[in-house]
Amino acid sequence: MSLRAAILGFLELEPTTGYTLRQRFAGSVASFWSVTQSQIYRELHGLASEGLVAVSREPGDGKPDRKVYSNTEAGRATLQQWLRAPLEPMQLRHPLLLKFVFASELAPATLDGLLADYAEGLRATLADYQARHDAPEIFTLARSPREAEIWRLSIEHGLAWCRLELDWIDRARERLAASVRRTPARPRAARRKKG
């Protein structure tokens, strides 16, 4: 329901095309909710067939007509119902942590390189969040100062999450480097025989 609800949420801000919806996702919630263009169109077709969104056509100035989607009353009611429903507990899927748990057999430099690469990606995400936070045009669609503040707070959550992840990576890299200095390496065969 979350993708459908997000689409209804964006359409509540303004009627728009599927292409512009993808841009809205990319420019706002993509760092915590990713979506492809095909997923958007699939959901739009489903929402239209259920009567939750209406579709109108706009002339395309020499191009094919554009389909513009907007919420119906039933779509608005569905969005409001979703907003009021209790949240389910989040189930975290963290590819780095899953890999990290099984990484004891990797060479220390290899594991450190994985952590360093992940940190580099996080720094790029952090910079993206900061740019969004500092860009006034992000908030032009906000219908009220309260809505703009809610959006600003969601971006600040992303900033805090990136900083937390980066702090953890720094600690992990330091502790792993210290453990390598303290522990002499044993041959692989000896480790297997012991277990």
Protein backbone atom coordinates (compact mmCIF):
# COMPACT_ATOMS: atom_id res chain seq x y z
CA MET A 1 0.00 0.00 0.00
CA SER A 2 2.88 2.41 0.65
CA LEU A 3 3.74 3.08 -3.01
CA ARG A 4 0.08 3.52 -3.90
CA ALA A 5 -0.36 5.84 -0.93
CA ALA A 6 2.74 7.85 -1.87
CA ILE A 7 1.38 8.31 -5.39
CA LEU A 8 -1.96 9.45 -3.98
CA GLY A 9 -0.03 11.80 -1.69
CA PHE A 10 1.87 13.38 -4.57
CA LEU A 11 -1.33 13.68 -6.62
CA GLU A 12 -2.97 15.42 -3.68
CA LEU A 13 -0.33 18.14 -4.02
CA GLU A 14 -1.10 18.62 -7.72
CA PRO A 15 -2.41 16.65 -10.71
CA THR A 16 0.54 15.46 -12.77
CA THR A 17 1.89 12.99 -15.32
CA GLY A 18 3.57 9.69 -14.55
CA TYR A 19 6.88 11.13 -15.71
CA THR A 20 6.61 14.10 -13.35
CA LEU A 21 5.64 11.73 -10.53
CA ARG A 22 8.96 9.94 -11.03
CA GLN A 23 10.73 13.31 -10.77
CA ARG A 24 8.80 14.08 -7.58
CA PHE A 25 9.94 10.78 -6.04
CA ALA A 26 13.54 11.41 -7.13
CA GLY A 27 13.51 14.95 -5.77
CA SER A 28 12.02 14.21 -2.39
CA VAL A 29 11.55 10.71 -0.95
CA ALA A 30 13.90 8.63 -3.14
CA SER A 31 16.51 8.31 -0.42
CA PHE A 32 14.10 6.36 1.76
CA TRP A 33 11.56 5.07 -0.78
CA SER A 34 12.83 4.13 -4.22
CA VAL A 35 10.63 3.46 -7.21
CA THR A 36 11.00 2.83 -10.93
CA GLN A 37 9.04 4.46 -13.73
CA SER A 38 7.40 1.13 -14.59
CA GLN A 39 6.22 0.69 -10.98
CA ILE A 40 4.68 4.15 -11.04
CA TYR A 41 2.78 3.47 -14.27
CA ARG A 42 1.64 0.05 -13.05
CA GLU A 43 0.27 1.61 -9.85
CA LEU A 44 -1.34 4.50 -11.74
CA HIS A 45 -3.17 2.06 -14.01
CA GLY A 46 -4.33 0.06 -10.98
CA LEU A 47 -5.44 3.19 -9.12
CA ALA A 48 -7.33 4.39 -12.21
CA SER A 49 -9.07 1.03 -12.68
CA GLU A 50 -10.17 1.15 -9.02
CA GLY A 51 -11.53 4.68 -9.45
CA LEU A 52 -9.00 6.22 -7.04
CA VAL A 53 -7.44 8.47 -9.68
CA ALA A 54 -8.88 10.16 -12.75
CA VAL A 55 -7.01 10.48 -16.05
CA SER A 56 -7.32 13.41 -18.43
CA ARG A 57 -5.42 14.14 -21.62
CA GLU A 58 -3.53 17.31 -22.41
CA PRO A 59 -2.34 18.19 -25.93
CA GLY A 60 1.37 17.51 -26.31
CA ASP A 61 2.33 20.37 -28.71
CA GLY A 62 3.39 18.15 -31.60
CA LYS A 63 4.04 15.22 -29.31
CA PRO A 64 1.61 12.56 -28.11
CA ASP A 65 -1.02 13.76 -25.68
CA ARG A 66 0.04 13.69 -22.05
CA LYS A 67 -1.96 11.72 -19.50
CA VAL A 68 -2.49 13.80 -16.38
CA TYR A 69 -3.54 11.96 -13.22
CA SER A 70 -5.45 13.45 -10.30
CA ASN A 71 -7.06 12.07 -7.18
CA THR A 72 -10.76 11.31 -7.08
CA GLU A 73 -12.79 11.66 -3.88
CA ALA A 74 -12.30 7.92 -3.35
CA GLY A 75 -8.53 8.41 -3.79
CA ARG A 76 -8.50 11.20 -1.22
CA ALA A 77 -10.45 9.02 1.21
CA THR A 78 -8.01 6.13 0.66
CA LEU A 79 -5.07 8.45 1.31
CA GLN A 80 -6.66 9.75 4.52
CA GLN A 81 -7.39 6.21 5.68
CA TRP A 82 -3.75 5.21 5.09
CA LEU A 83 -2.45 8.30 6.91
CA ARG A 84 -4.57 7.47 9.97
CA ALA A 85 -3.78 3.74 10.06
CA PRO A 86 -1.26 2.56 12.68
CA LEU A 87 2.25 1.87 11.42
CA GLU A 88 3.53 -1.67 11.23
CA PRO A 89 6.94 -2.24 12.84
CA MET A 90 9.71 -1.53 10.38
CA GLN A 91 11.60 -4.56 9.15
CA LEU A 92 15.08 -3.40 8.38
CA ARG A 93 16.92 -4.95 5.45
CA HIS A 94 20.47 -3.71 5.51
CA PRO A 95 22.67 -5.32 2.82
CA LEU A 96 25.88 -4.08 4.43
CA LEU A 97 25.05 -5.58 7.83
CA LEU A 98 24.07 -8.91 6.28
CA LYS A 99 27.38 -9.06 4.43
CA PHE A 100 29.26 -7.79 7.50
CA VAL A 101 28.00 -10.64 9.72
CA PHE A 102 29.63 -13.21 7.42
CA ALA A 103 32.78 -11.23 6.58
CA SER A 104 35.22 -12.66 9.14
CA GLU A 105 37.00 -14.71 6.46
CA LEU A 106 37.62 -11.69 4.25
CA ALA A 107 41.10 -10.20 4.30
CA PRO A 108 41.12 -7.17 6.64
CA ALA A 109 41.97 -4.82 3.77
CA THR A 110 39.07 -6.17 1.70
CA LEU A 111 36.55 -5.66 4.50
CA ASP A 112 37.94 -2.21 5.23
CA GLY A 113 37.59 -1.39 1.53
CA LEU A 114 33.91 -2.46 1.55
CA LEU A 115 33.25 -0.24 4.57
CA ALA A 116 35.14 2.66 2.98
CA ASP A 117 33.17 2.33 -0.27
CA TYR A 118 29.89 2.23 1.63
CA ALA A 119 30.93 5.34 3.59
CA GLU A 120 31.72 7.14 0.32
CA GLY A 121 28.22 6.42 -0.97
CA LEU A 122 26.73 7.62 2.31
CA ARG A 123 28.67 10.87 2.09
CA ALA A 124 27.15 11.45 -1.37
CA THR A 125 23.68 10.74 0.04
CA LEU A 126 24.38 13.08 2.95
CA ALA A 127 25.39 15.83 0.52
CA ASP A 128 22.19 15.23 -1.46
CA TYR A 129 20.08 15.53 1.70
CA GLN A 130 21.92 18.72 2.67
CA ALA A 131 21.33 20.21 -0.78
CA ARG A 132 17.61 19.40 -0.53
CA HIS A 133 17.43 20.84 2.96
CA ASP A 134 19.06 24.08 1.81
CA ALA A 135 17.08 24.43 -1.46
CA PRO A 136 13.98 26.60 -1.08
CA GLU A 137 12.48 25.30 -4.35
CA ILE A 138 11.97 21.87 -2.72
CA PHE A 139 9.28 23.44 -0.56
CA THR A 140 7.38 25.35 -3.26
CA LEU A 141 4.73 22.64 -3.54
CA ALA A 142 4.02 22.75 0.20
CA ARG A 143 0.45 23.85 0.79
CA SER A 144 1.17 25.34 4.21
CA PRO A 145 4.07 26.28 6.48
CA ARG A 146 3.29 23.17 8.55
CA GLU A 147 3.60 20.93 5.50
CA ALA A 148 6.94 22.57 4.59
CA GLU A 149 8.15 21.94 8.15
CA ILE A 150 7.10 18.27 7.95
CA TRP A 151 9.06 17.92 4.70
CA ARG A 152 12.06 19.69 6.25
CA LEU A 153 11.95 17.31 9.23
CA SER A 154 11.86 14.26 6.93
CA ILE A 155 15.01 15.54 5.21
CA GLU A 156 16.63 16.11 8.61
CA HIS A 157 15.84 12.48 9.46
CA GLY A 158 17.83 11.46 6.38
CA LEU A 159 20.72 13.70 7.45
CA ALA A 160 20.71 12.18 10.95
CA TRP A 161 20.55 8.61 9.60
CA CYS A 162 23.51 9.18 7.27
CA ARG A 163 25.56 10.70 10.09
CA LEU A 164 24.70 7.79 12.38
CA GLU A 165 25.73 5.25 9.73
CA LEU A 166 28.97 7.14 9.06
CA ASP A 167 29.77 7.26 12.80
CA TRP A 168 29.20 3.48 13.04
CA ILE A 169 31.43 2.83 10.03
CA ASP A 170 34.22 4.94 11.54
CA ARG A 171 33.96 2.97 14.82
CA ALA A 172 33.84 -0.37 13.01
CA ARG A 173 36.87 0.44 10.88
CA GLU A 174 38.86 1.64 13.91
CA ARG A 175 38.00 -1.40 16.03
CA LEU A 176 38.67 -3.85 13.23
CA ALA A 177 42.02 -2.21 12.48
CA ALA A 178 42.93 -2.40 16.19
CA SER A 179 41.92 -6.07 16.37
CA VAL A 180 44.12 -6.90 13.38
CA ARG A 181 47.08 -5.23 15.09
CA ARG A 182 46.45 -7.21 18.33
CA THR A 183 45.69 -10.64 16.83
CA PRO A 184 48.29 -12.57 14.85
CA ALA A 185 46.77 -14.26 11.82
CA ARG A 186 46.44 -18.05 11.98
CA PRO A 187 46.58 -20.20 8.88
CA ARG A 188 43.15 -20.94 7.46
CA ALA A 189 43.55 -24.73 7.82
CA ALA A 190 44.34 -24.40 11.54
CA ARG A 191 41.17 -22.41 12.13
CA ARG A 192 39.04 -25.03 10.42
CA LYS A 193 40.52 -27.94 12.39
CA LYS A 194 39.87 -26.22 15.70
CA GLY A 195 36.15 -25.75 14.97
